[in-house]
Protein backbone atom coordinates (compact mmCIF):
# COMPACT_ATOMS: atom_id res chain seq x y z
CA UNK A 1 95.66 73.51 122.75
CA UNK A 2 99.18 73.32 124.08
CA UNK A 3 102.21 71.74 122.51
CA UNK A 4 104.68 70.50 125.05
CA UNK A 5 108.36 70.51 124.92
CA UNK A 6 108.45 66.68 125.02
CA UNK A 7 106.56 66.46 121.77
CA UNK A 8 108.82 65.92 118.67
CA UNK A 9 109.25 68.60 115.99
CA UNK A 10 107.39 66.36 113.44
CA UNK A 11 104.44 65.99 115.74
CA UNK A 12 104.28 69.69 116.59
CA UNK A 13 104.37 70.54 112.92
CA UNK A 14 101.59 68.00 112.06
CA UNK A 15 99.49 69.14 114.79
CA UNK A 16 99.97 72.79 113.77
CA UNK A 17 99.17 72.23 110.16
CA UNK A 18 96.20 70.09 110.94
CA UNK A 19 94.61 72.64 113.26
CA UNK A 20 95.05 75.74 110.97
CA UNK A 21 91.66 75.17 109.43
CA UNK A 22 89.86 74.61 112.68
CA UNK A 23 91.51 76.87 115.27
CA UNK A 24 90.91 80.68 115.54
CA UNK A 25 94.40 81.41 114.15
CA UNK A 26 95.60 84.86 113.27
CA UNK A 27 97.89 83.84 110.35
CA UNK A 28 98.19 85.75 107.12
CA UNK A 29 95.25 84.03 105.60
CA UNK A 30 92.96 84.90 108.49
CA UNK A 31 94.00 88.52 108.33
CA UNK A 32 93.72 88.52 104.61
CA UNK A 33 90.09 87.50 104.97
CA UNK A 34 89.67 90.86 106.81
CA UNK A 35 91.00 92.65 103.90
CA UNK A 36 89.05 90.70 101.23
CA UNK A 37 85.66 92.52 100.38
CA UNK A 38 83.58 90.05 98.54
CA UNK A 39 80.88 92.66 97.73
CA UNK A 40 83.23 95.44 96.62
CA UNK A 41 81.88 97.11 93.47
CA UNK A 42 83.90 97.33 90.42
CA UNK A 43 85.93 100.62 90.49
CA UNK A 44 85.93 100.66 94.24
CA UNK A 45 88.96 102.30 95.88
CA UNK A 46 90.96 99.58 97.76
CA UNK A 47 93.25 101.30 100.35
CA UNK A 48 92.91 98.80 103.01
CA UNK A 49 95.76 96.22 102.72
CA UNK A 50 99.06 98.24 102.64
CA UNK A 51 99.66 97.21 99.12
CA UNK A 52 101.84 99.37 96.78
CA UNK A 53 99.33 100.66 94.09
CA UNK A 54 101.59 100.44 91.10
CA UNK A 55 102.43 96.74 91.30
CA UNK A 56 105.68 95.01 90.13
CA UNK A 57 108.20 97.08 88.16
CA UNK A 58 108.33 96.54 84.41
CA UNK A 59 111.48 94.40 84.65
CA UNK A 60 109.94 92.14 87.27
CA UNK A 61 106.87 91.65 85.14
CA UNK A 62 108.81 90.68 82.09
CA UNK A 63 110.78 88.16 84.13
CA UNK A 64 107.58 86.76 85.66
CA UNK A 65 105.97 86.27 82.29
CA UNK A 66 109.01 84.43 81.00
CA UNK A 67 109.24 82.24 84.08
CA UNK A 68 105.55 81.36 83.87
CA UNK A 69 106.11 79.71 80.68
CA UNK A 70 108.19 77.11 82.60
CA UNK A 71 105.58 76.74 85.33
CA UNK A 72 105.50 73.07 84.88
CA UNK A 73 108.87 72.75 86.62
CA UNK A 74 109.72 73.21 90.21
CA UNK A 75 112.89 75.28 89.49
CA UNK A 76 114.03 74.95 93.10
CA UNK A 77 117.20 76.89 92.21
CA UNK A 78 115.36 80.14 91.90
CA UNK A 79 114.95 80.38 95.61
CA UNK A 80 118.70 79.99 96.16
CA UNK A 81 119.36 82.61 93.51
CA UNK A 82 117.12 85.03 95.23
CA UNK A 83 118.71 84.50 98.59
CA UNK A 84 122.25 84.88 97.14
CA UNK A 85 121.29 88.08 95.43
CA UNK A 86 119.61 89.43 98.60
CA UNK A 87 122.51 88.45 100.77
CA UNK A 88 124.85 90.23 98.39
CA UNK A 89 122.73 93.40 98.37
CA UNK A 90 123.01 93.48 102.15
CA UNK A 91 126.65 92.57 102.39
CA UNK A 92 126.12 89.39 104.40
CA UNK A 93 127.23 85.80 103.51
CA UNK A 94 124.69 83.84 101.51
CA UNK A 95 124.39 81.32 104.33
CA UNK A 96 122.71 84.16 106.42
CA UNK A 97 119.76 84.53 104.09
CA UNK A 98 116.85 82.30 103.22
CA UNK A 99 114.02 82.93 100.59
CA UNK A 100 110.33 82.16 101.39
CA UNK A 101 106.93 82.65 99.89
CA UNK A 102 106.43 86.15 101.62
CA UNK A 103 107.61 87.02 105.09
CA UNK A 104 104.58 85.60 107.08
CA UNK A 105 105.84 82.13 106.42
CA UNK A 106 109.12 82.50 108.39
CA UNK A 107 107.45 84.72 110.85
CA UNK A 108 105.14 81.92 111.97
CA UNK A 109 108.02 79.46 111.81
CA UNK A 110 109.97 81.57 114.29
CA UNK A 111 106.97 81.62 116.69
CA UNK A 112 106.73 77.86 116.49
CA UNK A 113 110.33 77.28 116.98
CA UNK A 114 110.84 79.50 120.02
CA UNK A 115 107.36 79.64 121.67
CA UNK A 116 106.89 75.98 121.02
CA UNK A 117 109.61 75.60 123.57
CA UNK A 118 107.31 77.42 126.02
CA UNK A 119 108.87 80.87 125.66
CA UNK A 120 106.30 83.77 125.85
CA UNK A 121 105.75 86.30 123.09
CA UNK A 122 106.44 89.95 123.85
CA UNK A 123 104.90 92.20 121.26
CA UNK A 124 103.66 95.85 120.85
CA UNK A 125 100.15 97.18 121.12
CA UNK A 126 98.80 98.27 118.68
CA UNK A 127 100.87 96.09 116.44
CA UNK A 128 100.66 93.34 113.70
CA UNK A 129 98.67 90.60 115.29
CA UNK A 130 99.67 87.56 113.26
CA UNK A 131 102.34 86.23 115.59
CA UNK A 132 99.87 86.53 118.45
CA UNK A 133 97.65 84.04 116.84
CA UNK A 134 100.43 81.49 116.55
CA UNK A 135 101.50 82.06 120.13
CA UNK A 136 97.91 81.63 121.39
CA UNK A 137 97.65 78.39 119.45
CA UNK A 138 100.74 77.17 121.30
CA UNK A 139 99.13 78.25 124.62
CA UNK A 140 102.03 80.40 125.76
CA UNK A 141 101.77 83.77 127.48
CA UNK A 142 101.41 86.84 125.26
CA UNK A 143 102.65 90.16 126.73
CA UNK A 144 101.32 93.26 124.84
CA UNK A 145 103.27 96.33 125.65
CA UNK A 146 101.88 99.73 124.64
CA UNK A 147 103.86 101.83 122.25
CA UNK A 148 105.59 104.79 123.62
CA UNK A 149 103.20 107.76 123.95
CA UNK A 150 105.60 110.46 122.63
CA UNK A 151 106.65 108.95 119.34
CA UNK A 152 104.78 105.56 119.08
CA UNK A 153 107.86 103.64 118.90
CA UNK A 154 108.32 100.19 120.69
CA UNK A 155 108.87 100.71 124.36
CA UNK A 156 112.03 98.57 124.76
CA UNK A 157 112.48 98.90 128.54
CA UNK A 158 108.86 98.01 129.08
CA UNK A 159 109.18 95.01 126.72
CA UNK A 160 112.25 93.84 128.60
CA UNK A 161 110.49 94.34 131.93
CA UNK A 162 107.51 92.26 130.62
CA UNK A 163 109.85 89.23 130.18
CA UNK A 164 111.06 89.70 133.75
CA UNK A 165 114.66 88.69 132.85
CA UNK A 166 113.57 85.30 131.39
CA UNK A 167 113.95 84.02 127.75
CA UNK A 168 111.25 85.27 125.34
CA UNK A 169 110.40 85.93 121.86
CA UNK A 170 110.47 89.64 121.19
CA UNK A 171 108.62 90.83 118.07
CA UNK A 172 109.44 94.24 116.66
CA UNK A 173 107.84 95.75 113.56
CA UNK A 174 109.67 98.77 112.31
CA UNK A 175 108.13 100.95 110.76
CA UNK A 176 105.23 99.54 112.87
CA UNK A 177 101.92 98.30 111.47
CA UNK A 178 99.45 100.05 111.97
CA UNK A 179 101.06 103.25 113.12
CA UNK A 180 103.93 103.55 110.46
CA UNK A 181 106.36 104.67 113.15
CA UNK A 182 110.08 103.71 113.61
CA UNK A 183 111.86 102.22 116.46
CA UNK A 184 115.38 103.52 116.45
CA UNK A 185 118.07 100.93 115.60
CA UNK A 186 119.87 101.91 118.82
CA UNK A 187 116.83 100.71 120.78
CA UNK A 188 116.65 97.49 119.01
CA UNK A 189 120.27 97.02 119.62
CA UNK A 190 119.62 97.66 123.28
CA UNK A 191 116.89 94.88 123.31
CA UNK A 192 119.18 92.36 121.78
CA UNK A 193 122.06 93.11 124.28
CA UNK A 194 119.65 93.07 127.34
CA UNK A 195 117.39 90.20 126.56
CA UNK A 196 118.02 87.03 128.42
CA UNK A 197 120.14 84.22 126.84
CA UNK A 198 117.90 81.82 124.93
CA UNK A 199 115.59 84.75 123.77
CA UNK A 200 115.09 85.66 120.10
CA UNK A 201 114.55 89.11 118.70
CA UNK A 202 112.26 88.88 115.53
CA UNK A 203 112.66 92.10 113.70
CA UNK A 204 110.00 92.57 110.97
CA UNK A 205 111.14 95.14 108.32
CA UNK A 206 108.31 94.65 105.89
CA UNK A 207 108.01 98.43 105.53
CA UNK A 208 111.66 99.66 106.10
CA UNK A 209 112.10 100.55 102.48
CA UNK A 210 109.53 103.32 102.83
CA UNK A 211 111.57 104.98 105.53
CA UNK A 212 115.13 104.82 104.33
CA UNK A 213 116.07 104.18 108.04
CA UNK A 214 119.10 102.03 108.96
CA UNK A 215 118.16 98.29 109.00
CA UNK A 216 118.69 95.74 111.75
CA UNK A 217 120.56 93.26 109.62
CA UNK A 218 123.68 94.52 111.14
CA UNK A 219 122.58 92.77 114.40
CA UNK A 220 122.24 89.20 113.11
CA UNK A 221 125.77 88.09 113.61
CA UNK A 222 126.11 88.57 117.42
CA UNK A 223 125.87 85.90 120.04
CA UNK A 224 122.06 86.40 120.60
CA UNK A 225 119.43 85.11 118.29
CA UNK A 226 118.17 87.82 115.90
CA UNK A 227 115.98 87.17 112.85
CA UNK A 228 115.21 90.06 110.31
CA UNK A 229 112.31 89.61 107.95
CA UNK A 230 111.93 91.37 104.64
CA UNK A 231 109.02 91.16 102.05
CA UNK A 232 108.60 92.00 98.40
CA UNK A 233 104.92 92.53 99.07
CA UNK A 234 105.18 96.27 99.92
CA UNK A 235 107.55 98.72 98.13
CA UNK A 236 108.20 96.06 95.35
CA UNK A 237 104.45 95.63 94.62
CA UNK A 238 104.53 91.89 94.70
CA UNK A 239 101.95 91.16 97.36
CA UNK A 240 100.10 88.57 95.26
CA UNK A 241 103.27 86.97 93.87
CA UNK A 242 104.73 85.97 97.22
CA UNK A 243 108.35 86.44 97.91
CA UNK A 244 110.04 87.16 101.26
CA UNK A 245 113.38 86.85 103.05
CA UNK A 246 114.77 85.84 106.44
CA UNK A 247 118.22 87.03 107.62
CA UNK A 248 119.97 85.31 110.52
CA UNK A 249 122.89 83.22 111.47
CA UNK A 250 122.89 79.76 109.62
CA UNK A 251 122.20 77.85 112.78
CA UNK A 252 119.19 80.16 113.50
CA UNK A 253 117.90 79.72 110.01
CA UNK A 254 118.20 75.99 110.52
CA UNK A 255 116.00 76.03 113.51
CA UNK A 256 112.94 77.34 111.64
CA UNK A 257 113.38 75.01 108.51
CA UNK A 258 111.52 72.02 109.90
CA UNK A 259 108.20 73.97 110.31
CA UNK A 260 107.27 74.06 106.66
CA UNK A 261 107.48 72.25 103.37
CA UNK A 262 109.74 74.90 101.75
CA UNK A 263 108.04 75.25 98.37
CA UNK A 264 108.08 78.68 96.91
CA UNK A 265 106.44 80.23 93.77
CA UNK A 266 109.13 80.47 91.13
CA UNK A 267 107.46 83.53 89.55
CA UNK A 268 107.78 85.37 92.88
CA UNK A 269 111.32 84.22 93.35
CA UNK A 270 112.41 85.51 89.92
CA UNK A 271 110.36 88.74 90.09
CA UNK A 272 111.90 89.44 93.44
CA UNK A 273 115.49 88.82 92.30
CA UNK A 274 115.10 91.03 89.23
CA UNK A 275 113.53 93.70 91.26
CA UNK A 276 116.60 93.82 93.57
CA UNK A 277 118.75 94.66 90.55
CA UNK A 278 116.74 97.59 89.26
CA UNK A 279 118.75 100.64 90.30
CA UNK A 280 116.80 103.42 91.90
CA UNK A 281 113.59 101.58 92.22
CA UNK A 282 113.15 101.65 95.99
CA UNK A 283 114.14 105.31 96.08
CA UNK A 284 111.62 106.20 93.38
CA UNK A 285 108.79 104.41 94.97
CA UNK A 286 109.69 105.81 98.41
CA UNK A 287 109.44 109.32 96.97
CA UNK A 288 106.15 108.43 95.19
CA UNK A 289 104.64 107.34 98.52
CA UNK A 290 106.09 110.21 100.52
CA UNK A 291 104.61 112.95 98.26
CA UNK A 292 101.20 111.30 98.36
CA UNK A 293 101.41 110.79 102.18
CA UNK A 294 102.47 114.32 102.85
CA UNK A 295 99.68 115.57 100.76
CA UNK A 296 97.16 113.58 102.73
CA UNK A 297 98.72 114.62 106.07
CA UNK A 298 98.38 118.27 105.04
CA UNK A 299 94.73 117.70 104.18
CA UNK A 300 94.17 116.02 107.60
CA UNK A 301 95.69 119.09 109.33
CA UNK A 302 93.45 121.48 107.25
CA UNK A 303 90.43 119.51 108.32
CA UNK A 304 91.35 119.12 111.95
CA UNK A 305 91.67 115.40 111.71
CA UNK A 306 94.22 113.92 114.04
CA UNK A 307 96.71 111.29 112.86
CA UNK A 308 99.91 109.64 113.89
CA UNK A 309 102.89 110.82 111.76
CA UNK A 310 104.03 108.00 109.61
CA UNK A 311 107.17 107.13 107.58
CA UNK A 312 105.40 104.14 105.87
CA UNK A 313 102.84 103.57 103.30
CA UNK A 314 99.88 103.90 105.74
CA UNK A 315 98.48 106.33 108.32
CA UNK A 316 96.48 105.71 111.48
CA UNK A 317 94.00 108.61 111.84
CA UNK A 318 91.42 109.61 114.32
CA UNK A 319 87.97 108.53 113.10
CA UNK A 320 86.22 110.85 115.58
CA UNK A 321 83.99 107.90 116.67
CA UNK A 322 84.46 104.11 116.71
CA UNK A 323 86.66 103.32 113.72
CA UNK A 324 84.42 100.53 112.50
CA UNK A 325 81.57 103.01 112.07
CA UNK A 326 83.54 105.30 109.81
CA UNK A 327 84.95 102.38 107.82
CA UNK A 328 81.43 101.32 107.20
CA UNK A 329 80.32 104.81 106.16
CA UNK A 330 83.36 104.97 103.69
CA UNK A 331 82.45 101.58 102.35
CA UNK A 332 79.08 102.88 101.34
CA UNK A 333 80.98 105.49 99.23
CA UNK A 334 82.90 102.55 97.65
CA UNK A 335 86.09 103.44 99.52
CA UNK A 336 87.49 100.62 101.58
CA UNK A 337 90.09 101.46 104.32
CA UNK A 338 91.86 99.21 106.87
CA UNK A 339 90.68 98.06 110.23
CA UNK A 340 90.85 99.42 113.76
CA UNK A 341 92.74 97.99 116.66
CA UNK A 342 91.36 97.23 120.11
CA UNK A 343 93.90 99.31 122.06
CA UNK A 344 93.12 102.28 119.83
CA UNK A 345 89.53 101.76 118.67
CA UNK A 346 88.63 105.24 117.41
CA UNK A 347 91.51 105.23 114.86
CA UNK A 348 91.34 103.72 111.36
CA UNK A 349 94.34 102.76 109.18
CA UNK A 350 94.38 104.06 105.52
CA UNK A 351 96.94 102.80 102.91
CA UNK A 352 98.62 105.34 100.72
CA UNK A 353 97.33 104.67 97.28
CA UNK A 354 97.64 106.65 93.99
CA UNK A 355 96.99 110.39 94.15
CA UNK A 356 93.71 109.72 92.25
CA UNK A 357 92.70 107.09 94.86
CA UNK A 358 93.46 109.49 97.74
CA UNK A 359 91.45 112.21 96.05
CA UNK A 360 88.38 109.94 96.08
CA UNK A 361 89.17 109.05 99.70
CA UNK A 362 89.03 112.74 100.58
CA UNK A 363 85.68 113.18 98.85
CA UNK A 364 84.23 110.17 100.74
CA UNK A 365 85.64 111.50 104.01
CA UNK A 366 83.90 114.85 103.54
CA UNK A 367 80.57 112.87 103.16
CA UNK A 368 81.31 110.48 106.04
CA UNK A 369 83.42 112.17 108.65
CA UNK A 370 82.10 114.82 111.16
CA UNK A 371 84.40 117.51 109.74
CA UNK A 372 84.70 120.87 111.56
């Protein structure tokens, strides 16, 4: 079902919201259904959804509990307090940051705002599919560009070529999901400089904290439209509390505001703001994941299991057969891993859990994988 340029923003928004329940739409809810395991036994190891296994930090939990007591109030100001704190932490004006209930909300708003004008979506393969669902709903072209074969980064020249010099929405996830690989900031800068006027670069940095790599927020103030997304669902351990951020010039943020109601969970806003102020939190959690990830990679090497080197909290590894078959075998051992991607069907994504969870995963792998 297409939404044409002549239709008003209000009409597009109403049609979009009305169809979510009926159309095959790869939004966060639809993807979450893939991660929800209704028959999972108690005590099962859930390393399938890229969650941080330790949950929110103690300071955030205390703030959430206190805020929940005032849950009968909307407390609209908490969203502004979060965006102000986040802007300060990134050294950008407060007008350049907006808070949302997670980062998938602004992600879909961006697709509606730009692709709703007929612009195609240019994305990576394999990559995070959610914006593809929104673009397909709008009936615009979707160009899936293979990751580079040498380092699994986004192939920026090929993405630019896919747009053929015309305006497009370019979606970059770095580190990428599912591969956990980085696209260098210099390459993203090249994309922004070379994309046609009227284009938008949507940079999803949901996993940036695990890498310690330079962020793309430095690119938002140029003449081209650039939006950088952040979430508190990953390293901050707040996936169920819902808090996220969008960084862009004020007029760019203004373009996506009409595509949602704007309500946010105050517990998530407060927990996120408090988390930002906990010194050393990101560094400690990055190291926690790195040690567990390095241990798993070493085990993969010892067992002769191929994998894509990751700087994130998940690894895409070679299942030795169709990935769905291995996932099913692991599930019989009460270990639930992530899904496979059509462009790389013999690989499976596994989230980095606690050391104890990864030990159970290894035991299940010995039973389920055709080890040498």
